[in-house]
PDB file of N, CA and C in Angstrom:
ATOM      1  N   MET A   1     -12.417  30.260   8.126  1.00  0.00           N
ATOM      2  CA  MET A   1     -11.969  31.569   8.661  1.00  0.00           C
ATOM      3  C   MET A   1     -10.965  31.581   8.747  1.00  0.00           C
ATOM      4  N   LYS A   2      -9.995  32.765   9.262  1.00  0.00           N
ATOM      5  CA  LYS A   2      -8.437  32.532   9.821  1.00  0.00           C
ATOM      6  C   LYS A   2      -8.545  32.785  11.157  1.00  0.00           C
ATOM      7  N   ARG A   3      -7.482  32.580  12.025  1.00  0.00           N
ATOM      8  CA  ARG A   3      -7.466  32.595  13.358  1.00  0.00           C
ATOM      9  C   ARG A   3      -6.855  34.005  13.762  1.00  0.00           C
ATOM     10  N   ALA A   4      -7.016  34.438  14.935  1.00  0.00           N
ATOM     11  CA  ALA A   4      -7.092  36.367  14.988  1.00  0.00           C
ATOM     12  C   ALA A   4      -5.338  36.482  15.649  1.00  0.00           C
ATOM     13  N   ASN A   5      -5.219  35.081  15.962  1.00  0.00           N
ATOM     14  CA  ASN A   5      -3.332  35.279  16.390  1.00  0.00           C
ATOM     15  C   ASN A   5      -2.794  33.636  15.467  1.00  0.00           C
ATOM     16  N   ALA A   6      -2.059  33.841  14.094  1.00  0.00           N
ATOM     17  CA  ALA A   6      -1.598  32.585  13.737  1.00  0.00           C
ATOM     18  C   ALA A   6       0.096  32.245  14.088  1.00  0.00           C
ATOM     19  N   SER A   7      -0.033  33.048  15.076  1.00  0.00           N
ATOM     20  CA  SER A   7       1.252  32.464  15.557  1.00  0.00           C
ATOM     21  C   SER A   7       1.414  31.711  16.864  1.00  0.00           C
ATOM     22  N   VAL A   8       0.268  31.289  17.631  1.00  0.00           N
ATOM     23  CA  VAL A   8      -0.533  30.942  18.447  1.00  0.00           C
ATOM     24  C   VAL A   8      -0.431  29.584  17.758  1.00  0.00           C
ATOM     25  N   GLY A   9      -0.278  28.230  18.947  1.00  0.00           N
ATOM     26  CA  GLY A   9      -0.748  27.065  18.375  1.00  0.00           C
ATOM     27  C   GLY A   9       0.612  26.171  17.754  1.00  0.00           C
ATOM     28  N   PHE A  10      -0.599  24.572  17.160  1.00  0.00           N
ATOM     29  CA  PHE A  10       0.260  23.909  16.965  1.00  0.00           C
ATOM     30  C   PHE A  10       1.322  23.973  16.164  1.00  0.00           C
ATOM     31  N   ASP A  11       2.666  23.714  15.782  1.00  0.00           N
ATOM     32  CA  ASP A  11       3.563  24.094  14.517  1.00  0.00           C
ATOM     33  C   ASP A  11       4.206  22.754  14.540  1.00  0.00           C
ATOM     34  N   ALA A  12       3.389  22.364  13.141  1.00  0.00           N
ATOM     35  CA  ALA A  12       3.696  20.704  12.514  1.00  0.00           C
ATOM     36  C   ALA A  12       5.106  21.139  11.912  1.00  0.00           C
ATOM     37  N   VAL A  13       6.344  21.918  11.699  1.00  0.00           N
ATOM     38  CA  VAL A  13       7.233  21.826  11.340  1.00  0.00           C
ATOM     39  C   VAL A  13       8.102  21.629  12.504  1.00  0.00           C
ATOM     40  N   THR A  14       8.048  22.302  12.979  1.00  0.00           N
ATOM     41  CA  THR A  14       8.909  22.115  14.622  1.00  0.00           C
ATOM     42  C   THR A  14       8.356  20.678  15.005  1.00  0.00           C
ATOM     43  N   PHE A  15       7.408  20.347  15.098  1.00  0.00           N
ATOM     44  CA  PHE A  15       7.238  19.200  15.559  1.00  0.00           C
ATOM     45  C   PHE A  15       7.518  18.213  15.000  1.00  0.00           C
ATOM     46  N   GLY A  16       7.622  17.780  13.742  1.00  0.00           N
ATOM     47  CA  GLY A  16       8.167  17.541  12.977  1.00  0.00           C
ATOM     48  C   GLY A  16      10.260  17.503  13.298  1.00  0.00           C
ATOM     49  N   ALA A  17      10.219  18.362  13.219  1.00  0.00           N
ATOM     50  CA  ALA A  17      11.855  18.780  13.343  1.00  0.00           C
ATOM     51  C   ALA A  17      12.616  18.042  14.842  1.00  0.00           C
ATOM     52  N   CYS A  18      11.264  18.041  15.988  1.00  0.00           N
ATOM     53  CA  CYS A  18      11.548  17.421  17.307  1.00  0.00           C
ATOM     54  C   CYS A  18      11.596  16.242  16.810  1.00  0.00           C
ATOM     55  N   LEU A  19      10.521  15.394  15.945  1.00  0.00           N
ATOM     56  CA  LEU A  19      10.456  13.969  16.144  1.00  0.00           C
ATOM     57  C   LEU A  19      11.876  13.544  15.248  1.00  0.00           C
ATOM     58  N   LYS A  20      12.286  14.145  14.239  1.00  0.00           N
ATOM     59  CA  LYS A  20      13.526  13.721  13.524  1.00  0.00           C
ATOM     60  C   LYS A  20      14.726  13.682  14.312  1.00  0.00           C
ATOM     61  N   ARG A  21      14.754  14.457  15.451  1.00  0.00           N
ATOM     62  CA  ARG A  21      16.234  14.432  15.856  1.00  0.00           C
ATOM     63  C   ARG A  21      15.705  13.794  16.951  1.00  0.00           C
ATOM     64  N   ARG A  22      14.519  12.994  17.404  1.00  0.00           N
ATOM     65  CA  ARG A  22      14.768  12.176  18.137  1.00  0.00           C
ATOM     66  C   ARG A  22      15.216  10.758  17.888  1.00  0.00           C
ATOM     67  N   ARG A  23      14.836  11.112  16.197  1.00  0.00           N
ATOM     68  CA  ARG A  23      14.688   9.859  15.076  1.00  0.00           C
ATOM     69  C   ARG A  23      16.147   8.818  15.624  1.00  0.00           C
ATOM     70  N   LEU A  24      16.812  10.314  14.882  1.00  0.00           N
ATOM     71  CA  LEU A  24      17.721  10.250  14.382  1.00  0.00           C
ATOM     72  C   LEU A  24      18.814   9.929  16.096  1.00  0.00           C
ATOM     73  N   ALA A  25      18.810  10.102  17.316  1.00  0.00           N
ATOM     74  CA  ALA A  25      19.215  10.201  18.057  1.00  0.00           C
ATOM     75  C   ALA A  25      19.364   8.473  18.344  1.00  0.00           C
ATOM     76  N   LYS A  26      18.449   8.342  18.186  1.00  0.00           N
ATOM     77  CA  LYS A  26      18.372   6.259  18.842  1.00  0.00           C
ATOM     78  C   LYS A  26      19.068   5.800  17.011  1.00  0.00           C
ATOM     79  N   SER A  27      19.373   6.858  16.550  1.00  0.00           N
ATOM     80  CA  SER A  27      20.264   5.934  15.344  1.00  0.00           C
ATOM     81  C   SER A  27      19.423   5.033  14.183  1.00  0.00           C
ATOM     82  N   LEU A  28      18.108   5.823  13.950  1.00  0.00           N
ATOM     83  CA  LEU A  28      17.471   4.926  13.499  1.00  0.00           C
ATOM     84  C   LEU A  28      16.902   5.492  11.895  1.00  0.00           C
ATOM     85  N   THR A  29      17.377   5.218  10.836  1.00  0.00           N
ATOM     86  CA  THR A  29      16.983   5.290   9.110  1.00  0.00           C
ATOM     87  C   THR A  29      15.506   5.656   9.498  1.00  0.00           C
ATOM     88  N   LEU A  30      15.052   6.189   8.121  1.00  0.00           N
ATOM     89  CA  LEU A  30      13.615   6.487   8.070  1.00  0.00           C
ATOM     90  C   LEU A  30      12.861   4.972   7.660  1.00  0.00           C
ATOM     91  N   GLN A  31      13.563   4.026   7.230  1.00  0.00           N
ATOM     92  CA  GLN A  31      13.193   2.781   6.519  1.00  0.00           C
ATOM     93  C   GLN A  31      12.990   1.837   8.328  1.00  0.00           C
ATOM     94  N   GLU A  32      14.010   2.088   8.721  1.00  0.00           N
ATOM     95  CA  GLU A  32      13.812   1.264  10.148  1.00  0.00           C
ATOM     96  C   GLU A  32      12.629   1.316  11.071  1.00  0.00           C
ATOM     97  N   LEU A  33      12.434   3.513  11.018  1.00  0.00           N
ATOM     98  CA  LEU A  33      11.376   3.724  12.162  1.00  0.00           C
ATOM     99  C   LEU A  33       9.756   3.331  10.554  1.00  0.00           C
ATOM    100  N   ALA A  34      10.125   3.085   9.431  1.00  0.00           N
ATOM    101  CA  ALA A  34       9.695   2.242   8.776  1.00  0.00           C
ATOM    102  C   ALA A  34       8.354   1.420   9.259  1.00  0.00           C
ATOM    103  N   ALA A  35       9.501   0.747   9.189  1.00  0.00           N
ATOM    104  CA  ALA A  35       9.098  -1.199   9.355  1.00  0.00           C
ATOM    105  C   ALA A  35       8.524  -1.120  11.275  1.00  0.00           C
ATOM    106  N   GLN A  36       9.106  -0.275  11.740  1.00  0.00           N
ATOM    107  CA  GLN A  36       8.525  -0.565  13.773  1.00  0.00           C
ATOM    108  C   GLN A  36       7.057   0.008  13.273  1.00  0.00           C
ATOM    109  N   THR A  37       6.821   0.851  12.855  1.00  0.00           N
ATOM    110  CA  THR A  37       5.245   2.033  12.805  1.00  0.00           C
ATOM    111  C   THR A  37       4.430   1.096  11.803  1.00  0.00           C
ATOM    112  N   GLY A  38       4.783   0.777  11.189  1.00  0.00           N
ATOM    113  CA  GLY A  38       3.523   0.042  10.296  1.00  0.00           C
ATOM    114  C   GLY A  38       3.120   0.937   8.916  1.00  0.00           C
ATOM    115  N   PHE A  39       3.706   2.751   9.341  1.00  0.00           N
ATOM    116  CA  PHE A  39       3.817   2.953   8.294  1.00  0.00           C
ATOM    117  C   PHE A  39       4.859   3.342   6.910  1.00  0.00           C
ATOM    118  N   SER A  40       4.305   3.939   5.617  1.00  0.00           N
ATOM    119  CA  SER A  40       5.252   4.195   4.917  1.00  0.00           C
ATOM    120  C   SER A  40       6.800   5.176   5.002  1.00  0.00           C
ATOM    121  N   VAL A  41       7.264   5.782   4.315  1.00  0.00           N
ATOM    122  CA  VAL A  41       9.054   6.028   4.539  1.00  0.00           C
ATOM    123  C   VAL A  41       8.909   7.234   4.492  1.00  0.00           C
ATOM    124  N   SER A  42       7.842   7.595   3.449  1.00  0.00           N
ATOM    125  CA  SER A  42       7.360   8.794   2.922  1.00  0.00           C
ATOM    126  C   SER A  42       6.110   9.099   3.988  1.00  0.00           C
ATOM    127  N   SER A  43       5.289   8.864   4.140  1.00  0.00           N
ATOM    128  CA  SER A  43       4.518   8.827   5.400  1.00  0.00           C
ATOM    129  C   SER A  43       5.556   9.759   6.537  1.00  0.00           C
ATOM    130  N   ILE A  44       6.143   9.317   6.779  1.00  0.00           N
ATOM    131  CA  ILE A  44       7.313   9.605   8.427  1.00  0.00           C
ATOM    132  C   ILE A  44       8.038  10.559   7.646  1.00  0.00           C
ATOM    133  N   SER A  45       7.671  10.896   5.845  1.00  0.00           N
ATOM    134  CA  SER A  45       8.981  12.039   5.906  1.00  0.00           C
ATOM    135  C   SER A  45       8.294  13.276   6.079  1.00  0.00           C
ATOM    136  N   GLU A  46       7.383  12.876   5.563  1.00  0.00           N
ATOM    137  CA  GLU A  46       6.379  14.352   4.902  1.00  0.00           C
ATOM    138  C   GLU A  46       6.287  14.351   6.760  1.00  0.00           C
ATOM    139  N   MET A  47       5.438  13.612   7.865  1.00  0.00           N
ATOM    140  CA  MET A  47       5.655  14.152   9.134  1.00  0.00           C
ATOM    141  C   MET A  47       6.901  14.979   9.537  1.00  0.00           C
ATOM    142  N   GLU A  48       7.733  14.742   9.797  1.00  0.00           N
ATOM    143  CA  GLU A  48       8.807  14.712   9.404  1.00  0.00           C
ATOM    144  C   GLU A  48       9.218  16.687   9.346  1.00  0.00           C
ATOM    145  N   ASN A  49       8.607  16.365   7.888  1.00  0.00           N
ATOM    146  CA  ASN A  49       9.124  17.803   7.655  1.00  0.00           C
ATOM    147  C   ASN A  49       7.524  19.204   7.479  1.00  0.00           C
ATOM    148  N   GLY A  50       6.806  18.245   8.537  1.00  0.00           N
ATOM    149  CA  GLY A  50       5.898  19.442   8.958  1.00  0.00           C
ATOM    150  C   GLY A  50       4.651  18.631   8.202  1.00  0.00           C
ATOM    151  N   ARG A  51       4.573  17.883   7.448  1.00  0.00           N
ATOM    152  CA  ARG A  51       3.125  18.344   6.559  1.00  0.00           C
ATOM    153  C   ARG A  51       2.109  16.780   7.015  1.00  0.00           C
ATOM    154  N   LYS A  52       1.572  16.679   7.150  1.00  0.00           N
ATOM    155  CA  LYS A  52       0.612  15.781   7.047  1.00  0.00           C
ATOM    156  C   LYS A  52       0.621  15.056   8.489  1.00  0.00           C
ATOM    157  N   PRO A  53       0.611  15.867   9.571  1.00  0.00           N
ATOM    158  CA  PRO A  53       0.524  15.159  11.128  1.00  0.00           C
ATOM    159  C   PRO A  53      -0.526  14.925  11.727  1.00  0.00           C
ATOM    160  N   THR A  54      -0.431  13.950  11.584  1.00  0.00           N
ATOM    161  CA  THR A  54      -1.166  13.158  12.610  1.00  0.00           C
ATOM    162  C   THR A  54      -1.535  12.971  14.054  1.00  0.00           C
ATOM    163  N   PHE A  55      -2.741  13.340  15.045  1.00  0.00           N
ATOM    164  CA  PHE A  55      -1.904  12.853  16.364  1.00  0.00           C
ATOM    165  C   PHE A  55      -1.864  11.117  16.582  1.00  0.00           C
ATOM    166  N   PRO A  56      -2.862  10.305  16.063  1.00  0.00           N
ATOM    167  CA  PRO A  56      -1.967   8.957  15.604  1.00  0.00           C
ATOM    168  C   PRO A  56      -1.511   7.903  15.056  1.00  0.00           C
ATOM    169  N   LYS A  57      -0.895   9.272  14.291  1.00  0.00           N
ATOM    170  CA  LYS A  57       0.598   8.649  13.500  1.00  0.00           C
ATOM    171  C   LYS A  57       1.446   9.367  14.486  1.00  0.00           C
ATOM    172  N   ALA A  58       1.345  10.225  15.183  1.00  0.00           N
ATOM    173  CA  ALA A  58       2.592  10.972  16.362  1.00  0.00           C
ATOM    174  C   ALA A  58       2.329  10.586  16.890  1.00  0.00           C
ATOM    175  N   SER A  59       1.396   9.819  17.422  1.00  0.00           N
ATOM    176  CA  SER A  59       1.633   8.605  19.084  1.00  0.00           C
ATOM    177  C   SER A  59       2.299   7.788  18.479  1.00  0.00           C
ATOM    178  N   SER A  60       1.564   7.609  17.780  1.00  0.00           N
ATOM    179  CA  SER A  60       2.362   5.916  17.436  1.00  0.00           C
ATOM    180  C   SER A  60       4.101   6.401  16.666  1.00  0.00           C
ATOM    181  N   VAL A  61       4.238   6.621  16.196  1.00  0.00           N
ATOM    182  CA  VAL A  61       5.962   7.153  15.633  1.00  0.00           C
ATOM    183  C   VAL A  61       6.636   7.496  17.460  1.00  0.00           C
ATOM    184  N   CYS A  62       5.782   8.375  18.168  1.00  0.00           N
ATOM    185  CA  CYS A  62       6.490   8.830  19.817  1.00  0.00           C
ATOM    186  C   CYS A  62       6.863   7.056  20.270  1.00  0.00           C
ATOM    187  N   GLU A  63       5.745   6.377  20.141  1.00  0.00           N
ATOM    188  CA  GLU A  63       5.958   5.305  20.948  1.00  0.00           C
ATOM    189  C   GLU A  63       7.144   4.640  20.926  1.00  0.00           C
ATOM    190  N   ALA A  64       6.762   3.993  19.179  1.00  0.00           N
ATOM    191  CA  ALA A  64       8.773   3.308  18.964  1.00  0.00           C
ATOM    192  C   ALA A  64       9.681   4.627  19.269  1.00  0.00           C
ATOM    193  N   LEU A  65       9.521   5.718  19.086  1.00  0.00           N
ATOM    194  CA  LEU A  65      10.894   6.317  19.325  1.00  0.00           C
ATOM    195  C   LEU A  65      10.855   6.603  21.383  1.00  0.00           C
ATOM    196  N   GLY A  66      10.078   5.278  21.974  1.00  0.00           N
ATOM    197  CA  GLY A  66      10.192   5.795  23.625  1.00  0.00           C
ATOM    198  C   GLY A  66      10.232   6.891  23.884  1.00  0.00           C
ATOM    199  N   VAL A  67       9.421   7.199  23.204  1.00  0.00           N
ATOM    200  CA  VAL A  67       8.837   9.339  24.156  1.00  0.00           C
ATOM    201  C   VAL A  67       7.388   9.074  23.811  1.00  0.00           C
ATOM    202  N   ARG A  68       6.938  10.037  24.646  1.00  0.00           N
ATOM    203  CA  ARG A  68       5.291  10.202  25.190  1.00  0.00           C
ATOM    204  C   ARG A  68       5.096  11.199  24.001  1.00  0.00           C
ATOM    205  N   LEU A  69       4.247  11.366  23.555  1.00  0.00           N
ATOM    206  CA  LEU A  69       3.674  12.561  22.412  1.00  0.00           C
ATOM    207  C   LEU A  69       3.669  13.544  23.300  1.00  0.00           C
ATOM    208  N   SER A  70       3.160  13.575  24.264  1.00  0.00           N
ATOM    209  CA  SER A  70       3.065  15.274  25.076  1.00  0.00           C
ATOM    210  C   SER A  70       4.546  15.619  25.017  1.00  0.00           C
ATOM    211  N   ARG A  71       4.957  14.591  25.434  1.00  0.00           N
ATOM    212  CA  ARG A  71       6.686  15.164  25.928  1.00  0.00           C
ATOM    213  C   ARG A  71       7.292  15.857  24.351  1.00  0.00           C
ATOM    214  N   VAL A  72       6.740  15.233  23.049  1.00  0.00           N
ATOM    215  CA  VAL A  72       7.918  16.158  22.048  1.00  0.00           C
ATOM    216  C   VAL A  72       6.054  17.118  21.638  1.00  0.00           C
ATOM    217  N   LEU A  73       5.922  17.362  22.145  1.00  0.00           N
ATOM    218  CA  LEU A  73       4.736  18.979  21.807  1.00  0.00           C
ATOM    219  C   LEU A  73       5.045  19.574  22.143  1.00  0.00           C
ATOM    220  N   LEU A  74       5.347  19.344  24.088  1.00  0.00           N
ATOM    221  CA  LEU A  74       6.373  20.789  25.199  1.00  0.00           C
ATOM    222  C   LEU A  74       6.817  20.871  23.784  1.00  0.00           C
ATOM    223  N   GLU A  75       7.749  20.191  23.787  1.00  0.00           N
ATOM    224  CA  GLU A  75       9.739  20.495  22.928  1.00  0.00           C
ATOM    225  C   GLU A  75       9.411  21.046  22.222  1.00  0.00           C
ATOM    226  N   ALA A  76       8.010  21.027  21.017  1.00  0.00           N
ATOM    227  CA  ALA A  76       7.777  21.861  19.526  1.00  0.00           C
ATOM    228  C   ALA A  76       7.759  23.132  20.120  1.00  0.00           C
ATOM    229  N   GLU A  77       6.612  22.744  20.918  1.00  0.00           N
ATOM    230  CA  GLU A  77       6.011  24.346  21.439  1.00  0.00           C
ATOM    231  C   GLU A  77       7.175  24.895  22.493  1.00  0.00           C
ATOM    232  N   ARG A  78       7.744  24.991  23.462  1.00  0.00           N
ATOM    233  CA  ARG A  78       8.986  25.874  23.721  1.00  0.00           C
ATOM    234  C   ARG A  78       9.838  26.200  22.528  1.00  0.00           C
ATOM    235  N   GLN A  79      10.103  25.244  21.584  1.00  0.00           N
ATOM    236  CA  GLN A  79      11.701  25.677  20.414  1.00  0.00           C
ATOM    237  C   GLN A  79      10.375  26.932  20.138  1.00  0.00           C
ATOM    238  N   ALA A  80       9.540  26.502  19.826  1.00  0.00           N
ATOM    239  CA  ALA A  80       8.285  27.329  18.349  1.00  0.00           C
ATOM    240  C   ALA A  80       8.016  28.796  19.381  1.00  0.00           C
ATOM    241  N   ASP A  81       8.655  28.637  20.917  1.00  0.00           N
ATOM    242  CA  ASP A  81       8.278  30.006  21.454  1.00  0.00           C
ATOM    243  C   ASP A  81       9.580  31.340  21.575  1.00  0.00           C
ATOM    244  N   ALA A  82      10.512  29.904  21.587  1.00  0.00           N
ATOM    245  CA  ALA A  82      11.582  30.707  21.816  1.00  0.00           C
ATOM    246  C   ALA A  82      11.913  30.951  20.353  1.00  0.00           C
ATOM    247  N   ALA A  83      11.963  31.112  19.433  1.00  0.00           N
ATOM    248  CA  ALA A  83      11.953  31.246  17.705  1.00  0.00           C
ATOM    249  C   ALA A  83      11.068  32.041  17.854  1.00  0.00           C
ATOM    250  N   ARG A  84       9.940  32.819  18.022  1.00  0.00           N
ATOM    251  CA  ARG A  84       8.755  33.682  18.117  1.00  0.00           C
ATOM    252  C   ARG A  84       9.833  34.809  18.926  1.00  0.00           C
ATOM    253  N   ALA A  85       9.710  34.188  19.568  1.00  0.00           N
ATOM    254  CA  ALA A  85      10.528  35.431  20.493  1.00  0.00           C
ATOM    255  C   ALA A  85      11.651  35.869  20.538  1.00  0.00           C
ATOM    256  N   ALA A  86      12.691  35.623  19.779  1.00  0.00           N
ATOM    257  CA  ALA A  86      14.338  35.433  18.908  1.00  0.00           C
ATOM    258  C   ALA A  86      13.616  36.601  17.900  1.00  0.00           C
ATOM    259  N   ASN A  87      12.195  36.761  17.178  1.00  0.00           N
ATOM    260  CA  ASN A  87      12.182  37.019  16.384  1.00  0.00           C
ATOM    261  C   ASN A  87      11.773  39.233  16.487  1.00  0.00           C
TER     262      ASN A  87
END
């Protein structure tokens, strides 16, 4: 079933970009973050690229980055809203 308004909701690509920005701001490599979380490098890379994000994994990654999942979700939502408004 398709949603009536596909532009509303979770934007995994924007969320992943926010995670990546936060990782880079901490000067962490994918390998370092993977070691801290216990996830594979490819799993974190997929999440940063908007593929296969799950809330438990995202929460663990955010914890390793020292930020609440809710803050990153809000940041991603605001960026997605701004991008939609610009189009």
